[in-house]
Each structure stands twice: as C-alpha cells, then as structure tokens.
Amino acid sequence: MPKMKTHRGAAKRFKTTGSGRVVRNKAFHSHILEKKSPARKRRLKREAEVTGGDLSRVKRQLGI
C-alpha cells in the first residue's frame, strides 16, 4: 500500500504540540466583531485542543 497523503486543508488548520496534542483555532473571530464583547474576542483569539470524536479523524488526516 502507498503512504497516506496529508490532507492539505487539515494541515493548514491544525497543528500538534510537543506533547502530541492537536490544537485548532476558534471560530467566529474573523468578522462582525463590533457586537462581540472584548472578553469574548480575547477568548476567541486563543487556541483550543481538539477533543472527542474529531480527534481520531483529524489525526488520520494529518497522518499522525
């Protein structure tokens, strides 16, 4: 069997930490920011860990 190719769309959206966790950026921080509170916008800036059923799918796409 040939090697699995990395899903390029997933590679641009997810990255792995040194300990092997997969992190992602949060949604809803690209536009319509005027009505969102400063605290909410600060929270949306931070990265979040990929959890649950999505983790196995993302790891397979990244070739981990």
Protein backbone atom coordinates (compact mmCIF):
# COMPACT_ATOMS: atom_id res chain seq x y z
CA MET A 1 0.00 0.00 0.00
CA PRO A 2 1.22 3.54 -0.69
CA LYS A 3 1.64 6.00 2.13
CA MET A 4 -1.34 8.11 3.16
CA LYS A 5 -1.11 11.68 1.95
CA THR A 6 -1.59 14.52 4.42
CA HIS A 7 -4.90 16.32 3.92
CA ARG A 8 -3.61 19.77 2.99
CA GLY A 9 -6.72 21.59 4.19
CA ALA A 10 -6.39 19.96 7.61
CA ALA A 11 -2.66 20.69 7.74
CA LYS A 12 -3.41 24.42 7.44
CA ARG A 13 -5.99 24.35 10.24
CA PHE A 14 -4.45 22.10 12.89
CA LYS A 15 -1.05 21.74 14.49
CA THR A 16 0.45 19.40 17.03
CA THR A 17 2.13 20.45 20.24
CA GLY A 18 5.36 19.00 21.53
CA SER A 19 3.43 16.62 23.78
CA GLY A 20 1.37 15.36 20.83
CA ARG A 21 -1.89 17.20 21.48
CA VAL A 22 -3.72 18.61 18.45
CA VAL A 23 -4.77 22.27 18.64
CA ARG A 24 -7.07 24.38 16.49
CA ASN A 25 -8.15 27.98 16.18
CA LYS A 26 -11.60 29.00 17.38
CA ALA A 27 -14.34 30.08 15.01
CA PHE A 28 -16.28 33.38 14.93
CA HIS A 29 -13.28 35.72 15.15
CA SER A 30 -12.99 36.78 11.53
CA HIS A 31 -15.74 39.36 11.07
CA ILE A 32 -18.78 41.01 12.71
CA LEU A 33 -16.58 41.83 15.71
CA GLU A 34 -18.30 45.09 16.63
CA LYS A 35 -21.11 43.47 18.59
CA LYS A 36 -18.87 40.96 20.41
CA SER A 37 -17.55 41.91 23.80
CA PRO A 38 -13.80 42.44 24.32
CA ALA A 39 -13.67 39.47 26.69
CA ARG A 40 -15.31 37.23 24.12
CA LYS A 41 -12.90 38.39 21.41
CA ARG A 42 -9.92 37.68 23.70
CA ARG A 43 -11.21 34.16 24.36
CA LEU A 44 -11.68 33.56 20.64
CA LYS A 45 -8.04 34.52 19.98
CA ARG A 46 -6.76 31.55 21.98
CA GLU A 47 -6.21 28.11 20.56
CA ALA A 48 -8.28 25.15 21.72
CA GLU A 49 -7.46 21.48 21.93
CA VAL A 50 -9.22 19.09 19.55
CA THR A 51 -11.22 16.64 21.65
CA GLY A 52 -13.74 13.87 21.35
CA GLY A 53 -14.67 12.07 18.17
CA ASP A 54 -12.99 14.66 15.97
CA LEU A 55 -9.53 13.85 17.31
CA SER A 56 -9.17 10.48 15.60
CA ARG A 57 -10.42 11.93 12.30
CA VAL A 58 -8.03 14.90 12.44
CA LYS A 59 -5.07 12.67 13.34
CA ARG A 60 -5.82 10.42 10.38
CA GLN A 61 -5.97 13.45 8.05
CA LEU A 62 -2.66 14.77 9.40
CA GLY A 63 -1.01 11.38 9.07
CA ILE A 64 -0.17 11.12 12.79
